[in-house]
Amino acid sequence: MSLGNALRLPSLDLLKGFVAVGRHGSITLAARELFLTQSAVSRQILALEDALACKLFVRSHRAIAFTAEGEALFHKAEPALQRLQEAIETLLPGARPVTVTASVSVASLWLLPRLGEFQARHPEIDLRVMALNRVVDLQREAIDLAIRYCKPEDAPAGATLLFEESVGVVASPSLGLARLNSAADVEPLVLLDYEDPQRPWLRWQGWLAARGWADARPRSVVRFNQYDQVILAALGGQGVALARLPLISEQLDRGLLRPVATPEAPQPSGYAYWLLQEPAKARTAVQMAAAWIREAALQSPDLFSHLGSP
């Protein structure tokens, strides 16, 4: 575009007012978004129509609708203004980061080990991780992305499946434990237990009973009220843990933990991890972060899939 054509562009404020009215279909709601009076927004629309020498809206007593010219302009102007806003935000000190929330265990075990890759790929995007063991309202708390853990039937509308969960036994290589064949093999071990009655599939008592080993008497049991503490203890060689897969695929891939073979392959828990994004029309930075999370999930295979019966 030549400089002469650029000089004939309408004022940015006029375009912002137009896009706000088009997005809401209401001058009143657009005025609230822009912190202007209704009459000021109406004047912006009239001034833009004068500058372009065409009508952009058809007005009635209680409604406002696009003309054909208005609809065509809106579809071009809205994404252009969004990209301009994002470009400016990246240059300003304290630009709004992309906020991701997940449970403490998901954040510490799965997300944090991968953040270096995200930062290397997208150094221009600031990421804010909120580790919370409660379900948050994304819109009310201004959160861009959430990783949720639930059954498929409980997944929020619009959520994207990242990976399903299965549970298997892991230990530090320092323990030299490769296989559990019987209840007798459990007796010399220290079991690291997740003390959460709402998730019995992650507790040793249920796991042992399901295999007919309920009478096994391990050397000791150390209990934790946070799941990431169970895995941290296993990483330190303090005992044997039940692993949530593929949350710890990074630690397994690096050889920090080792899968322990059992008579049965790891079993699915019926739960899965989902990515939730709000709002639907997110900033480009949010879309890029969401795409990276989905890609990282595809690279988190179930490393226990090859461990069947001995």
C-alpha atoms as a PDB file:
ATOM      1  CA  MET A   1       0.000   0.000   0.000  1.00  0.00           C
ATOM      2  CA  SER A   2       1.295   3.439  -0.914  1.00  0.00           C
ATOM      3  CA  LEU A   3       1.580   6.281   1.579  1.00  0.00           C
ATOM      4  CA  GLY A   4      -1.182   8.136  -0.299  1.00  0.00           C
ATOM      5  CA  ASN A   5      -3.614   5.251   0.255  1.00  0.00           C
ATOM      6  CA  ALA A   6      -2.603   4.929   3.911  1.00  0.00           C
ATOM      7  CA  LEU A   7      -3.388   8.590   4.536  1.00  0.00           C
ATOM      8  CA  ARG A   8      -6.997   7.994   3.451  1.00  0.00           C
ATOM      9  CA  LEU A   9      -7.603   5.338   6.110  1.00  0.00           C
ATOM     10  CA  PRO A  10     -10.351   6.260   8.604  1.00  0.00           C
ATOM     11  CA  SER A  11      -9.413   7.062  12.200  1.00  0.00           C
ATOM     12  CA  LEU A  12      -8.577   4.038  14.355  1.00  0.00           C
ATOM     13  CA  ASP A  13     -11.085   5.212  16.974  1.00  0.00           C
ATOM     14  CA  LEU A  14     -13.845   5.159  14.362  1.00  0.00           C
ATOM     15  CA  LEU A  15     -12.946   1.595  13.393  1.00  0.00           C
ATOM     16  CA  LYS A  16     -12.828   0.512  17.044  1.00  0.00           C
ATOM     17  CA  GLY A  17     -16.318   1.903  17.588  1.00  0.00           C
ATOM     18  CA  PHE A  18     -17.595   0.195  14.446  1.00  0.00           C
ATOM     19  CA  VAL A  19     -16.128  -3.182  15.424  1.00  0.00           C
ATOM     20  CA  ALA A  20     -17.513  -2.943  18.961  1.00  0.00           C
ATOM     21  CA  VAL A  21     -21.018  -2.215  17.650  1.00  0.00           C
ATOM     22  CA  GLY A  22     -20.753  -5.029  15.133  1.00  0.00           C
ATOM     23  CA  ARG A  23     -19.525  -7.503  17.740  1.00  0.00           C
ATOM     24  CA  HIS A  24     -22.328  -6.767  20.181  1.00  0.00           C
ATOM     25  CA  GLY A  25     -25.068  -5.826  17.719  1.00  0.00           C
ATOM     26  CA  SER A  26     -25.817  -2.972  20.096  1.00  0.00           C
ATOM     27  CA  ILE A  27     -24.644   0.618  20.494  1.00  0.00           C
ATOM     28  CA  THR A  28     -25.408   0.444  24.225  1.00  0.00           C
ATOM     29  CA  LEU A  29     -23.172  -2.596  24.817  1.00  0.00           C
ATOM     30  CA  ALA A  30     -20.450  -1.194  22.577  1.00  0.00           C
ATOM     31  CA  ALA A  31     -20.484   2.041  24.587  1.00  0.00           C
ATOM     32  CA  ARG A  32     -20.007   0.050  27.804  1.00  0.00           C
ATOM     33  CA  GLU A  33     -17.046  -1.833  26.318  1.00  0.00           C
ATOM     34  CA  LEU A  34     -15.385   1.380  25.142  1.00  0.00           C
ATOM     35  CA  PHE A  35     -16.281   3.432  28.244  1.00  0.00           C
ATOM     36  CA  LEU A  36     -18.053   5.995  26.070  1.00  0.00           C
ATOM     37  CA  THR A  37     -21.556   7.388  25.941  1.00  0.00           C
ATOM     38  CA  GLN A  38     -24.064   5.981  23.468  1.00  0.00           C
ATOM     39  CA  SER A  39     -24.185   9.287  21.616  1.00  0.00           C
ATOM     40  CA  ALA A  40     -20.388   9.292  21.258  1.00  0.00           C
ATOM     41  CA  VAL A  41     -20.442   5.811  19.703  1.00  0.00           C
ATOM     42  CA  SER A  42     -23.310   6.826  17.407  1.00  0.00           C
ATOM     43  CA  ARG A  43     -21.263   9.815  16.235  1.00  0.00           C
ATOM     44  CA  GLN A  44     -18.308   7.521  15.533  1.00  0.00           C
ATOM     45  CA  ILE A  45     -20.465   5.318  13.316  1.00  0.00           C
ATOM     46  CA  LEU A  46     -21.887   8.312  11.441  1.00  0.00           C
ATOM     47  CA  ALA A  47     -18.403   9.760  10.952  1.00  0.00           C
ATOM     48  CA  LEU A  48     -17.123   6.447   9.583  1.00  0.00           C
ATOM     49  CA  GLU A  49     -20.066   6.172   7.215  1.00  0.00           C
ATOM     50  CA  ASP A  50     -19.381   9.716   6.009  1.00  0.00           C
ATOM     51  CA  ALA A  51     -15.683   8.941   5.499  1.00  0.00           C
ATOM     52  CA  LEU A  52     -16.498   5.802   3.492  1.00  0.00           C
ATOM     53  CA  ALA A  53     -19.509   7.307   1.716  1.00  0.00           C
ATOM     54  CA  CYS A  54     -21.696   4.295   2.435  1.00  0.00           C
ATOM     55  CA  LYS A  55     -24.098   2.976   5.079  1.00  0.00           C
ATOM     56  CA  LEU A  56     -22.668   0.335   7.427  1.00  0.00           C
ATOM     57  CA  PHE A  57     -25.712  -0.373   9.601  1.00  0.00           C
ATOM     58  CA  VAL A  58     -29.458  -0.467   9.189  1.00  0.00           C
ATOM     59  CA  ARG A  59     -31.052   1.058  12.277  1.00  0.00           C
ATOM     60  CA  SER A  60     -34.520   0.454  13.677  1.00  0.00           C
ATOM     61  CA  HIS A  61     -36.177   1.431  16.941  1.00  0.00           C
ATOM     62  CA  ARG A  62     -34.785  -1.516  18.927  1.00  0.00           C
ATOM     63  CA  ALA A  63     -32.214  -3.171  16.664  1.00  0.00           C
ATOM     64  CA  ILE A  64     -29.178  -2.537  14.512  1.00  0.00           C
ATOM     65  CA  ALA A  65     -27.951  -4.778  11.706  1.00  0.00           C
ATOM     66  CA  PHE A  66     -25.165  -4.757   9.131  1.00  0.00           C
ATOM     67  CA  THR A  67     -25.607  -3.635   5.571  1.00  0.00           C
ATOM     68  CA  ALA A  68     -23.759  -5.742   3.022  1.00  0.00           C
ATOM     69  CA  GLU A  69     -20.913  -3.188   3.058  1.00  0.00           C
ATOM     70  CA  GLY A  70     -20.856  -3.135   6.846  1.00  0.00           C
ATOM     71  CA  GLU A  71     -20.647  -6.912   7.132  1.00  0.00           C
ATOM     72  CA  ALA A  72     -17.788  -7.067   4.619  1.00  0.00           C
ATOM     73  CA  LEU A  73     -15.861  -4.378   6.491  1.00  0.00           C
ATOM     74  CA  PHE A  74     -16.448  -6.037   9.872  1.00  0.00           C
ATOM     75  CA  HIS A  75     -15.003  -9.380   8.728  1.00  0.00           C
ATOM     76  CA  LYS A  76     -11.815  -7.588   7.657  1.00  0.00           C
ATOM     77  CA  ALA A  77     -11.565  -4.960  10.403  1.00  0.00           C
ATOM     78  CA  GLU A  78     -12.160  -7.129  13.479  1.00  0.00           C
ATOM     79  CA  PRO A  79      -9.194  -9.531  12.993  1.00  0.00           C
ATOM     80  CA  ALA A  80      -6.987  -6.637  11.840  1.00  0.00           C
ATOM     81  CA  LEU A  81      -7.682  -4.664  15.032  1.00  0.00           C
ATOM     82  CA  GLN A  82      -7.129  -7.807  17.108  1.00  0.00           C
ATOM     83  CA  ARG A  83      -3.715  -8.388  15.523  1.00  0.00           C
ATOM     84  CA  LEU A  84      -2.785  -4.739  15.993  1.00  0.00           C
ATOM     85  CA  GLN A  85      -3.774  -4.901  19.669  1.00  0.00           C
ATOM     86  CA  GLU A  86      -1.690  -8.039  20.196  1.00  0.00           C
ATOM     87  CA  ALA A  87       1.319  -6.507  18.450  1.00  0.00           C
ATOM     88  CA  ILE A  88       1.148  -3.456  20.694  1.00  0.00           C
ATOM     89  CA  GLU A  89       0.721  -5.601  23.825  1.00  0.00           C
ATOM     90  CA  THR A  90       3.931  -7.492  23.071  1.00  0.00           C
ATOM     91  CA  LEU A  91       5.861  -4.183  22.974  1.00  0.00           C
ATOM     92  CA  LEU A  92       4.458  -2.682  26.160  1.00  0.00           C
ATOM     93  CA  PRO A  93       6.091  -3.291  29.553  1.00  0.00           C
ATOM     94  CA  GLY A  94       3.933  -5.598  31.628  1.00  0.00           C
ATOM     95  CA  ALA A  95       2.052  -6.964  28.594  1.00  0.00           C
ATOM     96  CA  ARG A  96      -0.714  -9.356  29.547  1.00  0.00           C
ATOM     97  CA  PRO A  97       0.659 -12.906  29.824  1.00  0.00           C
ATOM     98  CA  VAL A  98      -1.123 -16.077  28.781  1.00  0.00           C
ATOM     99  CA  THR A  99      -2.510 -17.607  31.983  1.00  0.00           C
ATOM    100  CA  VAL A 100      -2.745 -21.401  32.258  1.00  0.00           C
ATOM    101  CA  THR A 101      -4.279 -23.145  35.236  1.00  0.00           C
ATOM    102  CA  ALA A 102      -3.924 -26.799  36.209  1.00  0.00           C
ATOM    103  CA  SER A 103      -3.916 -28.890  39.356  1.00  0.00           C
ATOM    104  CA  VAL A 104      -0.733 -28.896  41.412  1.00  0.00           C
ATOM    105  CA  SER A 105       0.231 -32.369  40.195  1.00  0.00           C
ATOM    106  CA  VAL A 106      -0.413 -31.637  36.504  1.00  0.00           C
ATOM    107  CA  ALA A 107       1.438 -28.329  36.707  1.00  0.00           C
ATOM    108  CA  SER A 108       4.500 -29.678  38.512  1.00  0.00           C
ATOM    109  CA  LEU A 109       4.809 -33.096  36.860  1.00  0.00           C
ATOM    110  CA  TRP A 110       3.643 -32.515  33.284  1.00  0.00           C
ATOM    111  CA  LEU A 111       3.568 -28.810  32.457  1.00  0.00           C
ATOM    112  CA  LEU A 112       6.647 -27.397  34.169  1.00  0.00           C
ATOM    113  CA  PRO A 113       9.171 -29.894  32.717  1.00  0.00           C
ATOM    114  CA  ARG A 114       8.043 -28.810  29.239  1.00  0.00           C
ATOM    115  CA  LEU A 115       8.071 -25.032  29.708  1.00  0.00           C
ATOM    116  CA  GLY A 116      11.632 -24.685  28.444  1.00  0.00           C
ATOM    117  CA  GLU A 117      10.524 -26.028  25.064  1.00  0.00           C
ATOM    118  CA  PHE A 118       7.636 -23.552  24.946  1.00  0.00           C
ATOM    119  CA  GLN A 119       9.889 -20.617  25.852  1.00  0.00           C
ATOM    120  CA  ALA A 120      12.431 -21.622  23.218  1.00  0.00           C
ATOM    121  CA  ARG A 121       9.727 -21.790  20.567  1.00  0.00           C
ATOM    122  CA  HIS A 122       7.771 -18.697  21.635  1.00  0.00           C
ATOM    123  CA  PRO A 123      10.138 -16.307  23.456  1.00  0.00           C
ATOM    124  CA  GLU A 124       7.764 -13.438  22.672  1.00  0.00           C
ATOM    125  CA  ILE A 125       4.950 -14.942  24.807  1.00  0.00           C
ATOM    126  CA  ASP A 126       4.887 -14.516  28.575  1.00  0.00           C
ATOM    127  CA  LEU A 127       3.282 -17.489  30.307  1.00  0.00           C
ATOM    128  CA  ARG A 128       1.710 -17.462  33.769  1.00  0.00           C
ATOM    129  CA  VAL A 129       1.063 -20.841  35.426  1.00  0.00           C
ATOM    130  CA  MET A 130      -1.528 -21.059  38.212  1.00  0.00           C
ATOM    131  CA  ALA A 131      -1.386 -24.371  40.098  1.00  0.00           C
ATOM    132  CA  LEU A 132      -4.780 -24.768  41.777  1.00  0.00           C
ATOM    133  CA  ASN A 133      -6.592 -27.832  43.091  1.00  0.00           C
ATOM    134  CA  ARG A 134      -9.985 -26.225  42.553  1.00  0.00           C
ATOM    135  CA  VAL A 135     -12.132 -25.688  39.487  1.00  0.00           C
ATOM    136  CA  VAL A 136     -12.045 -22.035  38.441  1.00  0.00           C
ATOM    137  CA  ASP A 137     -14.326 -19.904  36.293  1.00  0.00           C
ATOM    138  CA  LEU A 138     -12.057 -18.938  33.411  1.00  0.00           C
ATOM    139  CA  GLN A 139     -14.004 -15.877  32.342  1.00  0.00           C
ATOM    140  CA  ARG A 140     -14.564 -14.473  35.826  1.00  0.00           C
ATOM    141  CA  GLU A 141     -10.939 -14.982  36.905  1.00  0.00           C
ATOM    142  CA  ALA A 142      -9.421 -13.841  33.559  1.00  0.00           C
ATOM    143  CA  ILE A 143      -7.751 -17.204  32.864  1.00  0.00           C
ATOM    144  CA  ASP A 144      -6.998 -18.131  29.264  1.00  0.00           C
ATOM    145  CA  LEU A 145      -6.435 -21.893  29.413  1.00  0.00           C
ATOM    146  CA  ALA A 146      -7.179 -24.698  31.867  1.00  0.00           C
ATOM    147  CA  ILE A 147      -6.149 -28.346  32.009  1.00  0.00           C
ATOM    148  CA  ARG A 148      -8.993 -30.288  33.628  1.00  0.00           C
ATOM    149  CA  TYR A 149      -8.979 -33.828  35.026  1.00  0.00           C
ATOM    150  CA  CYS A 150     -12.307 -35.638  34.886  1.00  0.00           C
ATOM    151  CA  LYS A 151     -14.324 -38.441  33.324  1.00  0.00           C
ATOM    152  CA  PRO A 152     -15.303 -37.954  29.665  1.00  0.00           C
ATOM    153  CA  GLU A 153     -18.946 -37.406  30.559  1.00  0.00           C
ATOM    154  CA  ASP A 154     -17.945 -34.591  32.925  1.00  0.00           C
ATOM    155  CA  ALA A 155     -15.689 -32.756  30.461  1.00  0.00           C
ATOM    156  CA  PRO A 156     -16.746 -29.118  29.921  1.00  0.00           C
ATOM    157  CA  ALA A 157     -18.371 -28.215  26.623  1.00  0.00           C
ATOM    158  CA  GLY A 158     -15.753 -27.387  24.020  1.00  0.00           C
ATOM    159  CA  ALA A 159     -12.902 -29.089  25.918  1.00  0.00           C
ATOM    160  CA  THR A 160     -10.207 -30.876  23.890  1.00  0.00           C
ATOM    161  CA  LEU A 161      -8.990 -34.305  24.994  1.00  0.00           C
ATOM    162  CA  LEU A 162      -5.257 -34.246  25.730  1.00  0.00           C
ATOM    163  CA  PHE A 163      -4.689 -37.798  26.963  1.00  0.00           C
ATOM    164  CA  GLU A 164      -6.384 -40.554  28.927  1.00  0.00           C
ATOM    165  CA  GLU A 165      -5.032 -41.806  32.240  1.00  0.00           C
ATOM    166  CA  SER A 166      -3.728 -45.236  33.144  1.00  0.00           C
ATOM    167  CA  VAL A 167      -1.955 -46.304  36.312  1.00  0.00           C
ATOM    168  CA  GLY A 168       1.227 -48.351  36.667  1.00  0.00           C
ATOM    169  CA  VAL A 169       4.073 -48.991  39.096  1.00  0.00           C
ATOM    170  CA  VAL A 170       7.298 -46.948  38.977  1.00  0.00           C
ATOM    171  CA  ALA A 171      10.500 -46.763  40.960  1.00  0.00           C
ATOM    172  CA  SER A 172      13.843 -44.994  40.836  1.00  0.00           C
ATOM    173  CA  PRO A 173      16.555 -46.937  38.969  1.00  0.00           C
ATOM    174  CA  SER A 174      18.551 -46.768  42.201  1.00  0.00           C
ATOM    175  CA  LEU A 175      16.193 -49.353  43.739  1.00  0.00           C
ATOM    176  CA  GLY A 176      16.980 -51.925  41.049  1.00  0.00           C
ATOM    177  CA  LEU A 177      13.351 -53.065  40.918  1.00  0.00           C
ATOM    178  CA  ALA A 178      12.281 -54.407  37.516  1.00  0.00           C
ATOM    179  CA  ARG A 179       9.282 -56.651  38.246  1.00  0.00           C
ATOM    180  CA  LEU A 180       6.600 -57.521  40.786  1.00  0.00           C
ATOM    181  CA  ASN A 181       5.308 -61.068  40.349  1.00  0.00           C
ATOM    182  CA  SER A 182       3.584 -61.802  43.650  1.00  0.00           C
ATOM    183  CA  ALA A 183       2.572 -60.470  47.051  1.00  0.00           C
ATOM    184  CA  ALA A 184       5.886 -61.740  48.383  1.00  0.00           C
ATOM    185  CA  ASP A 185       7.722 -59.324  46.083  1.00  0.00           C
ATOM    186  CA  VAL A 186       5.926 -56.410  47.783  1.00  0.00           C
ATOM    187  CA  GLU A 187       7.052 -57.243  51.316  1.00  0.00           C
ATOM    188  CA  PRO A 188      10.602 -55.794  51.088  1.00  0.00           C
ATOM    189  CA  LEU A 189       9.332 -52.523  49.631  1.00  0.00           C
ATOM    190  CA  VAL A 190       8.426 -49.085  50.910  1.00  0.00           C
ATOM    191  CA  LEU A 191       5.151 -48.062  49.257  1.00  0.00           C
ATOM    192  CA  LEU A 192       4.507 -44.385  48.551  1.00  0.00           C
ATOM    193  CA  ASP A 193       0.771 -43.851  48.943  1.00  0.00           C
ATOM    194  CA  TYR A 194      -1.497 -41.007  47.812  1.00  0.00           C
ATOM    195  CA  GLU A 195      -3.886 -40.458  50.691  1.00  0.00           C
ATOM    196  CA  ASP A 196      -6.980 -39.383  48.752  1.00  0.00           C
ATOM    197  CA  PRO A 197     -10.184 -41.368  49.426  1.00  0.00           C
ATOM    198  CA  GLN A 198     -11.798 -39.847  46.319  1.00  0.00           C
ATOM    199  CA  ARG A 199      -9.231 -41.544  44.065  1.00  0.00           C
ATOM    200  CA  PRO A 200      -8.934 -45.150  45.319  1.00  0.00           C
ATOM    201  CA  TRP A 201      -7.376 -46.264  42.019  1.00  0.00           C
ATOM    202  CA  LEU A 202      -4.251 -44.334  43.031  1.00  0.00           C
ATOM    203  CA  ARG A 203      -3.950 -46.052  46.417  1.00  0.00           C
ATOM    204  CA  TRP A 204      -1.921 -49.145  47.078  1.00  0.00           C
ATOM    205  CA  GLN A 205      -4.604 -50.859  49.169  1.00  0.00           C
ATOM    206  CA  GLY A 206      -7.004 -51.036  46.219  1.00  0.00           C
ATOM    207  CA  TRP A 207      -4.257 -51.858  43.711  1.00  0.00           C
ATOM    208  CA  LEU A 208      -3.026 -54.807  45.785  1.00  0.00           C
ATOM    209  CA  ALA A 209      -6.545 -56.080  46.473  1.00  0.00           C
ATOM    210  CA  ALA A 210      -7.424 -56.004  42.762  1.00  0.00           C
ATOM    211  CA  ARG A 211      -4.543 -58.410  42.103  1.00  0.00           C
ATOM    212  CA  GLY A 212      -5.337 -60.751  44.956  1.00  0.00           C
ATOM    213  CA  TRP A 213      -2.409 -59.460  47.008  1.00  0.00           C
ATOM    214  CA  ALA A 214      -4.428 -57.847  49.793  1.00  0.00           C
ATOM    215  CA  ASP A 215      -2.496 -59.840  52.421  1.00  0.00           C
ATOM    216  CA  ALA A 216       0.848 -58.405  51.295  1.00  0.00           C
ATOM    217  CA  ARG A 217       2.746 -56.692  54.131  1.00  0.00           C
ATOM    218  CA  PRO A 218       5.201 -54.130  52.746  1.00  0.00           C
ATOM    219  CA  ARG A 219       8.161 -53.041  54.823  1.00  0.00           C
ATOM    220  CA  SER A 220       6.428 -49.688  55.351  1.00  0.00           C
ATOM    221  CA  VAL A 221       3.980 -47.235  53.800  1.00  0.00           C
ATOM    222  CA  VAL A 222       4.639 -43.492  53.503  1.00  0.00           C
ATOM    223  CA  ARG A 223       1.504 -41.435  52.851  1.00  0.00           C
ATOM    224  CA  PHE A 224       1.162 -38.045  51.137  1.00  0.00           C
ATOM    225  CA  ASN A 225      -1.774 -35.681  50.685  1.00  0.00           C
ATOM    226  CA  GLN A 226      -0.445 -34.220  47.394  1.00  0.00           C
ATOM    227  CA  TYR A 227       0.208 -36.465  44.425  1.00  0.00           C
ATOM    228  CA  ASP A 228       3.283 -34.619  43.187  1.00  0.00           C
ATOM    229  CA  GLN A 229       4.903 -35.397  46.564  1.00  0.00           C
ATOM    230  CA  VAL A 230       4.458 -39.114  45.847  1.00  0.00           C
ATOM    231  CA  ILE A 231       6.395 -38.769  42.602  1.00  0.00           C
ATOM    232  CA  LEU A 232       9.055 -36.528  44.136  1.00  0.00           C
ATOM    233  CA  ALA A 233       9.638 -39.184  46.795  1.00  0.00           C
ATOM    234  CA  ALA A 234       9.884 -41.858  44.099  1.00  0.00           C
ATOM    235  CA  LEU A 235      12.394 -39.735  42.190  1.00  0.00           C
ATOM    236  CA  GLY A 236      14.450 -39.581  45.366  1.00  0.00           C
ATOM    237  CA  GLY A 237      14.518 -43.386  45.634  1.00  0.00           C
ATOM    238  CA  GLN A 238      12.426 -43.357  48.800  1.00  0.00           C
ATOM    239  CA  GLY A 239       9.993 -46.049  47.669  1.00  0.00           C
ATOM    240  CA  VAL A 240       7.700 -47.417  44.962  1.00  0.00           C
ATOM    241  CA  ALA A 241       4.797 -45.385  43.567  1.00  0.00           C
ATOM    242  CA  LEU A 242       1.641 -45.837  41.532  1.00  0.00           C
ATOM    243  CA  ALA A 243       2.125 -43.557  38.524  1.00  0.00           C
ATOM    244  CA  ARG A 244      -0.502 -41.552  36.684  1.00  0.00           C
ATOM    245  CA  LEU A 245       0.270 -41.925  33.014  1.00  0.00           C
ATOM    246  CA  PRO A 246       1.261 -40.109  30.926  1.00  0.00           C
ATOM    247  CA  LEU A 247       1.821 -37.360  33.525  1.00  0.00           C
ATOM    248  CA  ILE A 248       5.309 -38.659  34.215  1.00  0.00           C
ATOM    249  CA  SER A 249       6.302 -39.645  30.681  1.00  0.00           C
ATOM    250  CA  GLU A 250       9.012 -36.965  30.715  1.00  0.00           C
ATOM    251  CA  GLN A 251      10.586 -38.423  33.868  1.00  0.00           C
ATOM    252  CA  LEU A 252      10.407 -41.936  32.405  1.00  0.00           C
ATOM    253  CA  ASP A 253      11.851 -40.855  29.084  1.00  0.00           C
ATOM    254  CA  ARG A 254      14.823 -39.244  30.848  1.00  0.00           C
ATOM    255  CA  GLY A 255      15.387 -42.376  32.929  1.00  0.00           C
ATOM    256  CA  LEU A 256      14.647 -40.630  36.217  1.00  0.00           C
ATOM    257  CA  LEU A 257      11.979 -43.223  36.950  1.00  0.00           C
ATOM    258  CA  ARG A 258      11.677 -46.757  35.649  1.00  0.00           C
ATOM    259  CA  PRO A 259       8.493 -48.730  34.907  1.00  0.00           C
ATOM    260  CA  VAL A 260       8.054 -51.870  36.993  1.00  0.00           C
ATOM    261  CA  ALA A 261       6.496 -54.841  35.196  1.00  0.00           C
ATOM    262  CA  THR A 262       3.514 -56.554  36.867  1.00  0.00           C
ATOM    263  CA  PRO A 263       1.319 -59.571  35.977  1.00  0.00           C
ATOM    264  CA  GLU A 264      -1.215 -57.189  34.406  1.00  0.00           C
ATOM    265  CA  ALA A 265      -0.552 -54.249  32.141  1.00  0.00           C
ATOM    266  CA  PRO A 266      -1.350 -50.804  33.599  1.00  0.00           C
ATOM    267  CA  GLN A 267      -5.077 -50.235  33.782  1.00  0.00           C
ATOM    268  CA  PRO A 268      -7.070 -47.190  32.585  1.00  0.00           C
ATOM    269  CA  SER A 269      -8.617 -45.203  35.415  1.00  0.00           C
ATOM    270  CA  GLY A 270     -11.574 -43.955  33.386  1.00  0.00           C
ATOM    271  CA  TYR A 271     -10.343 -40.380  33.802  1.00  0.00           C
ATOM    272  CA  ALA A 272      -8.637 -38.117  31.289  1.00  0.00           C
ATOM    273  CA  TYR A 273      -7.009 -34.699  30.945  1.00  0.00           C
ATOM    274  CA  TRP A 274      -8.730 -31.990  28.907  1.00  0.00           C
ATOM    275  CA  LEU A 275      -7.767 -28.556  27.618  1.00  0.00           C
ATOM    276  CA  LEU A 276     -10.344 -25.815  28.094  1.00  0.00           C
ATOM    277  CA  GLN A 277     -10.063 -22.418  26.415  1.00  0.00           C
ATOM    278  CA  GLU A 278     -12.046 -19.263  27.156  1.00  0.00           C
ATOM    279  CA  PRO A 279     -13.199 -17.199  25.354  1.00  0.00           C
ATOM    280  CA  ALA A 280     -13.728 -18.796  21.942  1.00  0.00           C
ATOM    281  CA  LYS A 281     -12.108 -15.825  20.122  1.00  0.00           C
ATOM    282  CA  ALA A 282      -8.819 -15.823  21.993  1.00  0.00           C
ATOM    283  CA  ARG A 283      -5.709 -13.733  21.436  1.00  0.00           C
ATOM    284  CA  THR A 284      -3.185 -15.140  18.988  1.00  0.00           C
ATOM    285  CA  ALA A 285      -0.782 -15.764  21.888  1.00  0.00           C
ATOM    286  CA  VAL A 286      -3.440 -17.865  23.645  1.00  0.00           C
ATOM    287  CA  GLN A 287      -4.113 -19.845  20.483  1.00  0.00           C
ATOM    288  CA  MET A 288      -0.393 -20.522  20.099  1.00  0.00           C
ATOM    289  CA  ALA A 289      -0.081 -21.678  23.709  1.00  0.00           C
ATOM    290  CA  ALA A 290      -3.111 -23.945  23.306  1.00  0.00           C
ATOM    291  CA  ALA A 291      -1.655 -25.436  20.118  1.00  0.00           C
ATOM    292  CA  TRP A 292       1.629 -26.105  21.900  1.00  0.00           C
ATOM    293  CA  ILE A 293      -0.143 -27.868  24.807  1.00  0.00           C
ATOM    294  CA  ARG A 294      -2.063 -30.074  22.373  1.00  0.00           C
ATOM    295  CA  GLU A 295       1.149 -30.908  20.515  1.00  0.00           C
ATOM    296  CA  ALA A 296       2.967 -31.709  23.761  1.00  0.00           C
ATOM    297  CA  ALA A 297       0.118 -34.027  24.741  1.00  0.00           C
ATOM    298  CA  LEU A 298       0.500 -35.976  21.504  1.00  0.00           C
ATOM    299  CA  GLN A 299       4.165 -36.475  22.376  1.00  0.00           C
ATOM    300  CA  SER A 300       3.293 -37.958  25.803  1.00  0.00           C
ATOM    301  CA  PRO A 301       2.805 -41.652  24.963  1.00  0.00           C
ATOM    302  CA  ASP A 302       1.843 -44.308  27.483  1.00  0.00           C
ATOM    303  CA  LEU A 303       5.316 -45.685  28.114  1.00  0.00           C
ATOM    304  CA  PHE A 304       3.833 -48.678  29.964  1.00  0.00           C
ATOM    305  CA  SER A 305       1.944 -50.010  26.965  1.00  0.00           C
ATOM    306  CA  HIS A 306       4.579 -52.650  26.322  1.00  0.00           C
ATOM    307  CA  LEU A 307       4.533 -53.995  29.886  1.00  0.00           C
ATOM    308  CA  GLY A 308       2.173 -56.965  30.026  1.00  0.00           C
ATOM    309  CA  SER A 309       2.218 -60.242  31.844  1.00  0.00           C
ATOM    310  CA  PRO A 310       5.635 -61.643  32.660  1.00  0.00           C
END
